[in-house]
Amino acid sequence: MKQFVHLHVHTEYSLLDGACRINQLVDRVAELGQPAIAITDHGCMYGAVEFYKACKEKGIKPIIGCEVYVAPRSRFDKEAQYDQKPYHLVLLCKNDVGYQNLIRMVSAGYIEGFYNKPRIDRNLLMEHHEGLIALSACLAGEIPRALTANNLEKAYETARFYKELFGPDY
């Protein structure tokens, strides 16, 4: 029997967006008998260790992730006209390699790409995609934005890019 698993959850570490307290979240997942849960806070991984420990304590599989902000051009570009609306992308760790790659990208987002938000770019994704699973995120994702703008060609091009980068199963 297959069970539902939440793969896009924001905790208290997603400021102005998430309200879930990690321990309460994990308690509820255990209560519902769900086998796993992911956290995907906006642009940060501040809750990863607390989340991991809480899940392990309850026998829940922790899936560590992040809803990253992808710069429309480069993470180094910081012009209001072009760079103020980064795309959202959910990244989930498959293994330790993915965890290390996600840490590198999130850190680079703060150190190199910060422009209103910690941004990464496609170059970082190409360099550090191993061990990660990508989800198209919310309406602020690159594919959803292209679709809502009726730009099917852009949506297909973006989907192809991510399929080639992460593989056909991710």
N, C-alpha and C. Protein backbone atom coordinates (compact mmCIF):
# COMPACT_ATOMS: atom_id res chain seq x y z
N MET A 1 0.84 -1.18 0.00
CA MET A 1 0.00 0.00 0.00
C MET A 1 0.89 1.25 0.00
N LYS A 2 0.60 2.18 -0.90
CA LYS A 2 1.35 3.43 -0.97
C LYS A 2 0.76 4.43 0.01
N GLN A 3 1.65 5.24 0.57
CA GLN A 3 1.20 6.26 1.50
C GLN A 3 1.62 7.64 1.02
N PHE A 4 0.84 8.61 1.37
CA PHE A 4 1.13 9.99 1.02
C PHE A 4 2.28 10.51 1.87
N VAL A 5 3.17 11.26 1.24
CA VAL A 5 4.28 11.91 1.94
C VAL A 5 4.36 13.36 1.48
N HIS A 6 4.34 14.27 2.42
CA HIS A 6 4.49 15.70 2.09
C HIS A 6 5.92 15.97 1.67
N LEU A 7 6.11 16.57 0.49
CA LEU A 7 7.44 16.86 -0.03
C LEU A 7 7.73 18.36 -0.18
N HIS A 8 6.79 19.19 0.26
CA HIS A 8 6.97 20.64 0.14
C HIS A 8 6.34 21.29 1.37
N VAL A 9 7.13 21.36 2.43
CA VAL A 9 6.62 21.86 3.72
C VAL A 9 7.55 22.96 4.22
N HIS A 10 6.95 24.05 4.66
CA HIS A 10 7.71 25.15 5.26
C HIS A 10 7.50 25.13 6.77
N THR A 11 8.58 25.33 7.50
CA THR A 11 8.52 25.38 8.96
C THR A 11 8.65 26.83 9.42
N GLU A 12 8.82 26.97 10.72
CA GLU A 12 8.99 28.31 11.29
C GLU A 12 10.23 29.02 10.75
N TYR A 13 11.12 28.29 10.08
CA TYR A 13 12.32 28.89 9.51
C TYR A 13 12.08 29.55 8.15
N SER A 14 10.89 29.41 7.60
CA SER A 14 10.51 30.16 6.40
C SER A 14 9.77 31.40 6.87
N LEU A 15 10.53 32.44 7.12
CA LEU A 15 9.97 33.65 7.71
C LEU A 15 8.84 34.22 6.86
N LEU A 16 7.77 34.60 7.53
CA LEU A 16 6.56 35.17 6.93
C LEU A 16 5.82 34.20 6.02
N ASP A 17 6.18 32.92 6.07
CA ASP A 17 5.51 31.94 5.21
C ASP A 17 5.16 30.66 5.96
N GLY A 18 6.06 30.13 6.75
CA GLY A 18 5.84 28.87 7.44
C GLY A 18 5.45 29.10 8.88
N ALA A 19 4.55 28.26 9.37
CA ALA A 19 4.13 28.37 10.77
C ALA A 19 4.35 27.08 11.54
N CYS A 20 4.68 26.01 10.85
CA CYS A 20 4.84 24.70 11.50
C CYS A 20 6.06 24.70 12.40
N ARG A 21 5.87 24.28 13.64
CA ARG A 21 6.99 24.02 14.54
C ARG A 21 7.45 22.59 14.25
N ILE A 22 8.74 22.40 14.16
CA ILE A 22 9.26 21.10 13.72
C ILE A 22 8.77 19.94 14.59
N ASN A 23 8.87 20.07 15.90
CA ASN A 23 8.44 18.95 16.76
C ASN A 23 6.96 18.65 16.61
N GLN A 24 6.13 19.68 16.52
CA GLN A 24 4.69 19.47 16.33
C GLN A 24 4.40 18.84 14.97
N LEU A 25 5.14 19.27 13.95
CA LEU A 25 4.98 18.70 12.61
C LEU A 25 5.30 17.21 12.61
N VAL A 26 6.42 16.85 13.19
CA VAL A 26 6.84 15.44 13.22
C VAL A 26 5.88 14.62 14.08
N ASP A 27 5.41 15.18 15.18
CA ASP A 27 4.42 14.47 16.01
C ASP A 27 3.16 14.17 15.20
N ARG A 28 2.71 15.13 14.42
CA ARG A 28 1.49 14.95 13.62
C ARG A 28 1.70 13.90 12.52
N VAL A 29 2.85 13.91 11.90
CA VAL A 29 3.17 12.92 10.87
C VAL A 29 3.16 11.53 11.48
N ALA A 30 3.73 11.38 12.66
CA ALA A 30 3.74 10.09 13.35
C ALA A 30 2.32 9.67 13.71
N GLU A 31 1.54 10.61 14.20
CA GLU A 31 0.15 10.35 14.57
C GLU A 31 -0.66 9.84 13.37
N LEU A 32 -0.39 10.40 12.19
CA LEU A 32 -1.10 10.00 10.98
C LEU A 32 -0.55 8.71 10.36
N GLY A 33 0.56 8.22 10.91
CA GLY A 33 1.15 6.99 10.40
C GLY A 33 1.87 7.16 9.07
N GLN A 34 2.27 8.40 8.76
CA GLN A 34 3.00 8.63 7.52
C GLN A 34 4.46 8.22 7.72
N PRO A 35 5.06 7.60 6.71
CA PRO A 35 6.41 7.06 6.87
C PRO A 35 7.54 8.08 6.76
N ALA A 36 7.27 9.24 6.15
CA ALA A 36 8.34 10.21 5.88
C ALA A 36 7.73 11.59 5.74
N ILE A 37 8.60 12.58 5.78
CA ILE A 37 8.20 13.98 5.55
C ILE A 37 9.44 14.76 5.10
N ALA A 38 9.22 15.77 4.28
CA ALA A 38 10.30 16.65 3.85
C ALA A 38 10.08 18.04 4.43
N ILE A 39 11.19 18.73 4.68
CA ILE A 39 11.07 20.17 4.93
C ILE A 39 11.80 20.88 3.80
N THR A 40 11.19 21.94 3.34
CA THR A 40 11.72 22.70 2.21
C THR A 40 11.57 24.20 2.49
N ASP A 41 12.26 24.65 3.50
CA ASP A 41 12.15 26.06 3.87
C ASP A 41 12.72 26.95 2.77
N HIS A 42 12.22 28.17 2.72
CA HIS A 42 12.62 29.13 1.70
C HIS A 42 14.06 29.58 1.88
N GLY A 43 14.92 29.18 0.95
CA GLY A 43 16.27 29.70 0.87
C GLY A 43 17.20 29.33 2.00
N CYS A 44 16.77 28.49 2.94
CA CYS A 44 17.64 28.18 4.08
C CYS A 44 17.46 26.73 4.53
N MET A 45 18.42 26.30 5.33
CA MET A 45 18.38 24.94 5.89
C MET A 45 18.58 25.01 7.40
N TYR A 46 18.13 26.08 8.02
CA TYR A 46 18.36 26.29 9.44
C TYR A 46 17.77 25.18 10.31
N GLY A 47 16.69 24.59 9.89
CA GLY A 47 16.02 23.57 10.71
C GLY A 47 16.43 22.14 10.42
N ALA A 48 17.39 21.93 9.54
CA ALA A 48 17.72 20.57 9.09
C ALA A 48 18.13 19.63 10.21
N VAL A 49 18.99 20.05 11.11
CA VAL A 49 19.48 19.17 12.18
C VAL A 49 18.35 18.88 13.17
N GLU A 50 17.65 19.91 13.58
CA GLU A 50 16.51 19.73 14.50
C GLU A 50 15.47 18.79 13.88
N PHE A 51 15.17 18.99 12.61
CA PHE A 51 14.21 18.16 11.88
C PHE A 51 14.68 16.71 11.83
N TYR A 52 15.93 16.50 11.47
CA TYR A 52 16.49 15.15 11.38
C TYR A 52 16.38 14.42 12.71
N LYS A 53 16.77 15.09 13.78
CA LYS A 53 16.72 14.47 15.11
C LYS A 53 15.28 14.15 15.53
N ALA A 54 14.36 15.07 15.28
CA ALA A 54 12.96 14.86 15.65
C ALA A 54 12.36 13.69 14.89
N CYS A 55 12.68 13.59 13.61
CA CYS A 55 12.16 12.49 12.79
C CYS A 55 12.73 11.15 13.26
N LYS A 56 14.02 11.10 13.49
CA LYS A 56 14.66 9.85 13.92
C LYS A 56 14.09 9.38 15.26
N GLU A 57 13.81 10.32 16.14
CA GLU A 57 13.23 10.00 17.45
C GLU A 57 11.86 9.35 17.32
N LYS A 58 11.11 9.72 16.28
CA LYS A 58 9.75 9.20 16.08
C LYS A 58 9.67 8.08 15.04
N GLY A 59 10.81 7.68 14.48
CA GLY A 59 10.80 6.62 13.48
C GLY A 59 10.28 7.06 12.13
N ILE A 60 10.40 8.33 11.83
CA ILE A 60 9.95 8.91 10.57
C ILE A 60 11.18 9.13 9.69
N LYS A 61 11.07 8.86 8.39
CA LYS A 61 12.19 9.12 7.48
C LYS A 61 12.24 10.62 7.18
N PRO A 62 13.33 11.29 7.56
CA PRO A 62 13.45 12.72 7.25
C PRO A 62 13.96 12.92 5.83
N ILE A 63 13.31 13.79 5.09
CA ILE A 63 13.77 14.17 3.76
C ILE A 63 14.14 15.64 3.84
N ILE A 64 15.41 15.90 3.74
CA ILE A 64 15.90 17.27 3.88
C ILE A 64 15.93 17.93 2.52
N GLY A 65 15.40 19.13 2.47
CA GLY A 65 15.37 19.86 1.21
C GLY A 65 15.36 21.35 1.45
N CYS A 66 15.14 22.07 0.37
CA CYS A 66 15.09 23.53 0.44
C CYS A 66 14.34 24.03 -0.79
N GLU A 67 13.53 25.04 -0.60
CA GLU A 67 12.94 25.74 -1.74
C GLU A 67 13.87 26.90 -2.06
N VAL A 68 14.73 26.68 -3.04
CA VAL A 68 15.75 27.67 -3.38
C VAL A 68 15.17 28.71 -4.33
N TYR A 69 15.86 29.82 -4.39
CA TYR A 69 15.53 30.88 -5.33
C TYR A 69 16.56 30.84 -6.45
N VAL A 70 16.09 30.69 -7.68
CA VAL A 70 16.99 30.61 -8.84
C VAL A 70 16.95 31.95 -9.58
N ALA A 71 18.11 32.58 -9.69
CA ALA A 71 18.20 33.87 -10.37
C ALA A 71 17.80 33.71 -11.84
N PRO A 72 17.05 34.66 -12.38
CA PRO A 72 16.65 34.57 -13.79
C PRO A 72 17.84 34.58 -14.76
N ARG A 73 18.91 35.21 -14.34
CA ARG A 73 20.12 35.24 -15.17
C ARG A 73 21.23 34.56 -14.36
N SER A 74 22.12 35.29 -13.79
CA SER A 74 23.20 34.75 -12.97
C SER A 74 23.01 35.21 -11.53
N ARG A 75 23.51 34.43 -10.59
CA ARG A 75 23.42 34.85 -9.19
C ARG A 75 24.23 36.12 -8.92
N PHE A 76 25.13 36.45 -9.82
CA PHE A 76 25.95 37.64 -9.66
C PHE A 76 25.28 38.90 -10.22
N ASP A 77 24.23 38.73 -11.04
CA ASP A 77 23.51 39.86 -11.62
C ASP A 77 22.53 40.43 -10.60
N LYS A 78 22.58 41.75 -10.45
CA LYS A 78 21.74 42.38 -9.43
C LYS A 78 21.20 43.71 -9.93
N GLU A 79 20.42 43.64 -11.01
CA GLU A 79 19.77 44.82 -11.56
C GLU A 79 18.27 44.69 -11.36
N ALA A 80 17.68 45.69 -10.75
CA ALA A 80 16.27 45.64 -10.39
C ALA A 80 15.36 45.27 -11.55
N GLN A 81 15.63 45.79 -12.72
CA GLN A 81 14.77 45.56 -13.88
C GLN A 81 14.68 44.08 -14.24
N TYR A 82 15.75 43.33 -14.03
CA TYR A 82 15.80 41.94 -14.50
C TYR A 82 15.89 40.89 -13.40
N ASP A 83 16.37 41.25 -12.24
CA ASP A 83 16.78 40.23 -11.28
C ASP A 83 16.00 40.20 -9.97
N GLN A 84 14.93 40.96 -9.87
CA GLN A 84 14.19 41.03 -8.61
C GLN A 84 13.24 39.86 -8.37
N LYS A 85 12.91 39.10 -9.38
CA LYS A 85 11.94 38.02 -9.20
C LYS A 85 12.57 36.66 -9.51
N PRO A 86 13.31 36.10 -8.56
CA PRO A 86 13.90 34.79 -8.81
C PRO A 86 12.82 33.71 -8.86
N TYR A 87 13.13 32.62 -9.52
CA TYR A 87 12.22 31.48 -9.61
C TYR A 87 12.39 30.59 -8.39
N HIS A 88 11.32 29.97 -7.97
CA HIS A 88 11.38 29.00 -6.88
C HIS A 88 11.64 27.62 -7.47
N LEU A 89 12.40 26.81 -6.76
CA LEU A 89 12.68 25.43 -7.15
C LEU A 89 12.88 24.62 -5.88
N VAL A 90 12.15 23.53 -5.75
CA VAL A 90 12.31 22.66 -4.58
C VAL A 90 13.37 21.62 -4.89
N LEU A 91 14.35 21.51 -4.00
CA LEU A 91 15.40 20.50 -4.12
C LEU A 91 15.35 19.61 -2.89
N LEU A 92 15.35 18.30 -3.13
CA LEU A 92 15.31 17.30 -2.06
C LEU A 92 16.56 16.44 -2.12
N CYS A 93 17.10 16.12 -0.97
CA CYS A 93 18.32 15.30 -0.90
C CYS A 93 17.96 13.82 -0.98
N LYS A 94 18.61 13.12 -1.91
CA LYS A 94 18.46 11.66 -2.02
C LYS A 94 19.43 10.95 -1.09
N ASN A 95 20.56 11.58 -0.83
CA ASN A 95 21.63 10.92 -0.08
C ASN A 95 22.58 11.98 0.47
N ASP A 96 23.69 11.52 1.05
CA ASP A 96 24.65 12.45 1.65
C ASP A 96 25.30 13.36 0.61
N VAL A 97 25.54 12.84 -0.59
CA VAL A 97 26.11 13.67 -1.66
C VAL A 97 25.15 14.82 -1.97
N GLY A 98 23.87 14.51 -2.07
CA GLY A 98 22.87 15.55 -2.31
C GLY A 98 22.82 16.57 -1.18
N TYR A 99 22.93 16.09 0.05
CA TYR A 99 22.93 16.99 1.20
C TYR A 99 24.11 17.95 1.14
N GLN A 100 25.29 17.42 0.84
CA GLN A 100 26.49 18.26 0.74
C GLN A 100 26.34 19.27 -0.40
N ASN A 101 25.78 18.82 -1.53
CA ASN A 101 25.58 19.72 -2.67
C ASN A 101 24.56 20.82 -2.35
N LEU A 102 23.50 20.45 -1.65
CA LEU A 102 22.50 21.44 -1.29
C LEU A 102 23.09 22.47 -0.32
N ILE A 103 23.87 22.01 0.63
CA ILE A 103 24.53 22.94 1.56
C ILE A 103 25.41 23.93 0.78
N ARG A 104 26.16 23.41 -0.17
CA ARG A 104 27.04 24.28 -0.97
C ARG A 104 26.24 25.35 -1.71
N MET A 105 25.14 24.92 -2.34
CA MET A 105 24.35 25.87 -3.12
C MET A 105 23.66 26.91 -2.24
N VAL A 106 23.09 26.46 -1.13
CA VAL A 106 22.40 27.41 -0.24
C VAL A 106 23.41 28.41 0.32
N SER A 107 24.58 27.93 0.69
CA SER A 107 25.62 28.85 1.19
C SER A 107 26.04 29.84 0.11
N ALA A 108 26.24 29.37 -1.11
CA ALA A 108 26.61 30.26 -2.21
C ALA A 108 25.50 31.27 -2.48
N GLY A 109 24.25 30.86 -2.30
CA GLY A 109 23.14 31.79 -2.47
C GLY A 109 23.24 32.98 -1.54
N TYR A 110 23.68 32.73 -0.31
CA TYR A 110 23.84 33.83 0.65
C TYR A 110 25.12 34.61 0.39
N ILE A 111 26.20 33.91 0.12
CA ILE A 111 27.51 34.57 0.00
C ILE A 111 27.68 35.29 -1.33
N GLU A 112 27.27 34.66 -2.42
CA GLU A 112 27.51 35.22 -3.76
C GLU A 112 26.26 35.78 -4.43
N GLY A 113 25.10 35.21 -4.13
CA GLY A 113 23.93 35.56 -4.91
C GLY A 113 22.89 36.40 -4.22
N PHE A 114 23.15 36.82 -3.00
CA PHE A 114 22.11 37.52 -2.24
C PHE A 114 21.72 38.84 -2.91
N TYR A 115 20.45 38.93 -3.22
CA TYR A 115 19.85 40.15 -3.76
C TYR A 115 18.38 40.12 -3.35
N ASN A 116 18.08 40.67 -2.21
CA ASN A 116 16.78 40.59 -1.54
C ASN A 116 16.52 39.20 -0.97
N LYS A 117 17.04 38.19 -1.62
CA LYS A 117 16.90 36.79 -1.20
C LYS A 117 18.19 36.06 -1.57
N PRO A 118 18.46 34.94 -0.91
CA PRO A 118 19.66 34.16 -1.28
C PRO A 118 19.40 33.37 -2.57
N ARG A 119 20.04 33.77 -3.66
CA ARG A 119 19.76 33.18 -4.97
C ARG A 119 20.91 32.31 -5.45
N ILE A 120 20.52 31.22 -6.10
CA ILE A 120 21.48 30.39 -6.82
C ILE A 120 21.23 30.61 -8.30
N ASP A 121 21.91 29.87 -9.16
CA ASP A 121 21.66 29.99 -10.59
C ASP A 121 21.86 28.62 -11.26
N ARG A 122 21.63 28.58 -12.54
CA ARG A 122 21.76 27.33 -13.28
C ARG A 122 23.18 26.79 -13.26
N ASN A 123 24.17 27.68 -13.23
CA ASN A 123 25.56 27.20 -13.17
C ASN A 123 25.80 26.41 -11.89
N LEU A 124 25.31 26.91 -10.77
CA LEU A 124 25.45 26.16 -9.51
C LEU A 124 24.69 24.84 -9.58
N LEU A 125 23.51 24.87 -10.15
CA LEU A 125 22.72 23.64 -10.29
C LEU A 125 23.46 22.60 -11.14
N MET A 126 24.07 23.05 -12.22
CA MET A 126 24.80 22.12 -13.08
C MET A 126 26.02 21.55 -12.37
N GLU A 127 26.63 22.35 -11.53
CA GLU A 127 27.82 21.91 -10.81
C GLU A 127 27.49 21.01 -9.61
N HIS A 128 26.33 21.23 -8.98
CA HIS A 128 26.03 20.56 -7.71
C HIS A 128 24.67 19.84 -7.71
N HIS A 129 24.26 19.25 -8.81
CA HIS A 129 22.95 18.60 -8.88
C HIS A 129 22.96 17.14 -8.42
N GLU A 130 24.12 16.54 -8.35
CA GLU A 130 24.20 15.12 -8.01
C GLU A 130 23.58 14.86 -6.63
N GLY A 131 22.80 13.80 -6.54
CA GLY A 131 22.19 13.42 -5.28
C GLY A 131 20.96 14.21 -4.90
N LEU A 132 20.45 15.00 -5.85
CA LEU A 132 19.27 15.82 -5.58
C LEU A 132 18.11 15.47 -6.50
N ILE A 133 16.93 15.71 -6.00
CA ILE A 133 15.69 15.58 -6.76
C ILE A 133 15.10 16.98 -6.86
N ALA A 134 14.63 17.37 -8.02
CA ALA A 134 14.05 18.70 -8.21
C ALA A 134 12.54 18.60 -8.43
N LEU A 135 11.81 19.51 -7.81
CA LEU A 135 10.36 19.65 -8.01
C LEU A 135 10.10 21.06 -8.53
N SER A 136 9.10 21.22 -9.36
CA SER A 136 8.85 22.51 -10.00
C SER A 136 8.35 23.60 -9.07
N ALA A 137 8.13 23.28 -7.82
CA ALA A 137 7.77 24.26 -6.78
C ALA A 137 6.33 24.75 -6.92
N CYS A 138 6.15 26.02 -6.60
CA CYS A 138 4.83 26.63 -6.55
C CYS A 138 4.61 27.48 -7.81
N LEU A 139 3.64 28.34 -7.77
CA LEU A 139 3.36 29.21 -8.92
C LEU A 139 4.52 30.16 -9.23
N ALA A 140 5.45 30.32 -8.30
CA ALA A 140 6.61 31.17 -8.54
C ALA A 140 7.77 30.39 -9.17
N GLY A 141 7.55 29.13 -9.47
CA GLY A 141 8.57 28.34 -10.15
C GLY A 141 8.68 28.75 -11.62
N GLU A 142 9.79 28.40 -12.23
CA GLU A 142 10.03 28.82 -13.61
C GLU A 142 9.02 28.22 -14.58
N ILE A 143 8.72 26.94 -14.42
CA ILE A 143 7.74 26.29 -15.31
C ILE A 143 6.33 26.85 -15.07
N PRO A 144 5.86 26.92 -13.81
CA PRO A 144 4.53 27.51 -13.60
C PRO A 144 4.40 28.95 -14.09
N ARG A 145 5.45 29.75 -13.92
CA ARG A 145 5.38 31.13 -14.43
C ARG A 145 5.25 31.16 -15.95
N ALA A 146 6.00 30.29 -16.62
CA ALA A 146 5.91 30.24 -18.09
C ALA A 146 4.51 29.81 -18.51
N LEU A 147 3.95 28.84 -17.81
CA LEU A 147 2.61 28.36 -18.16
C LEU A 147 1.55 29.43 -17.91
N THR A 148 1.65 30.14 -16.80
CA THR A 148 0.65 31.18 -16.54
C THR A 148 0.79 32.35 -17.50
N ALA A 149 1.97 32.51 -18.08
CA ALA A 149 2.18 33.56 -19.09
C ALA A 149 1.86 33.04 -20.50
N ASN A 150 1.33 31.83 -20.57
CA ASN A 150 0.99 31.20 -21.86
C ASN A 150 2.21 31.00 -22.76
N ASN A 151 3.36 30.83 -22.15
CA ASN A 151 4.59 30.63 -22.91
C ASN A 151 4.97 29.15 -22.84
N LEU A 152 4.29 28.34 -23.64
CA LEU A 152 4.52 26.90 -23.62
C LEU A 152 5.92 26.53 -24.06
N GLU A 153 6.48 27.26 -25.00
CA GLU A 153 7.83 26.96 -25.47
C GLU A 153 8.84 27.11 -24.33
N LYS A 154 8.71 28.18 -23.56
CA LYS A 154 9.60 28.40 -22.41
C LYS A 154 9.40 27.31 -21.36
N ALA A 155 8.15 26.92 -21.12
CA ALA A 155 7.86 25.87 -20.14
C ALA A 155 8.51 24.55 -20.58
N TYR A 156 8.36 24.19 -21.86
CA TYR A 156 8.98 22.96 -22.38
C TYR A 156 10.51 23.02 -22.31
N GLU A 157 11.08 24.16 -22.69
CA GLU A 157 12.54 24.32 -22.65
C GLU A 157 13.04 24.16 -21.23
N THR A 158 12.36 24.75 -20.27
CA THR A 158 12.76 24.66 -18.87
C THR A 158 12.62 23.23 -18.36
N ALA A 159 11.51 22.59 -18.68
CA ALA A 159 11.31 21.20 -18.25
C ALA A 159 12.39 20.29 -18.84
N ARG A 160 12.73 20.52 -20.11
CA ARG A 160 13.81 19.72 -20.74
C ARG A 160 15.14 19.94 -20.03
N PHE A 161 15.44 21.19 -19.70
CA PHE A 161 16.69 21.49 -18.99
C PHE A 161 16.77 20.69 -17.69
N TYR A 162 15.72 20.74 -16.88
CA TYR A 162 15.73 20.05 -15.60
C TYR A 162 15.71 18.53 -15.77
N LYS A 163 15.01 18.05 -16.77
CA LYS A 163 14.99 16.60 -17.04
C LYS A 163 16.38 16.11 -17.42
N GLU A 164 17.07 16.85 -18.28
CA GLU A 164 18.43 16.48 -18.68
C GLU A 164 19.39 16.58 -17.50
N LEU A 165 19.21 17.58 -16.65
CA LEU A 165 20.12 17.79 -15.53
C LEU A 165 19.91 16.74 -14.43
N PHE A 166 18.69 16.53 -14.04
CA PHE A 166 18.40 15.64 -12.91
C PHE A 166 18.06 14.22 -13.33
N GLY A 167 17.80 14.00 -14.60
CA GLY A 167 17.46 12.67 -15.09
C GLY A 167 15.96 12.53 -15.28
N PRO A 168 15.55 11.54 -16.07
CA PRO A 168 14.13 11.40 -16.42
C PRO A 168 13.22 11.04 -15.25
N ASP A 169 13.77 10.47 -14.19
CA ASP A 169 12.94 10.06 -13.06
C ASP A 169 12.77 11.14 -12.02
N TYR A 170 13.45 12.27 -12.20
CA TYR A 170 13.41 13.31 -11.16
C TYR A 170 12.95 14.58 -11.76
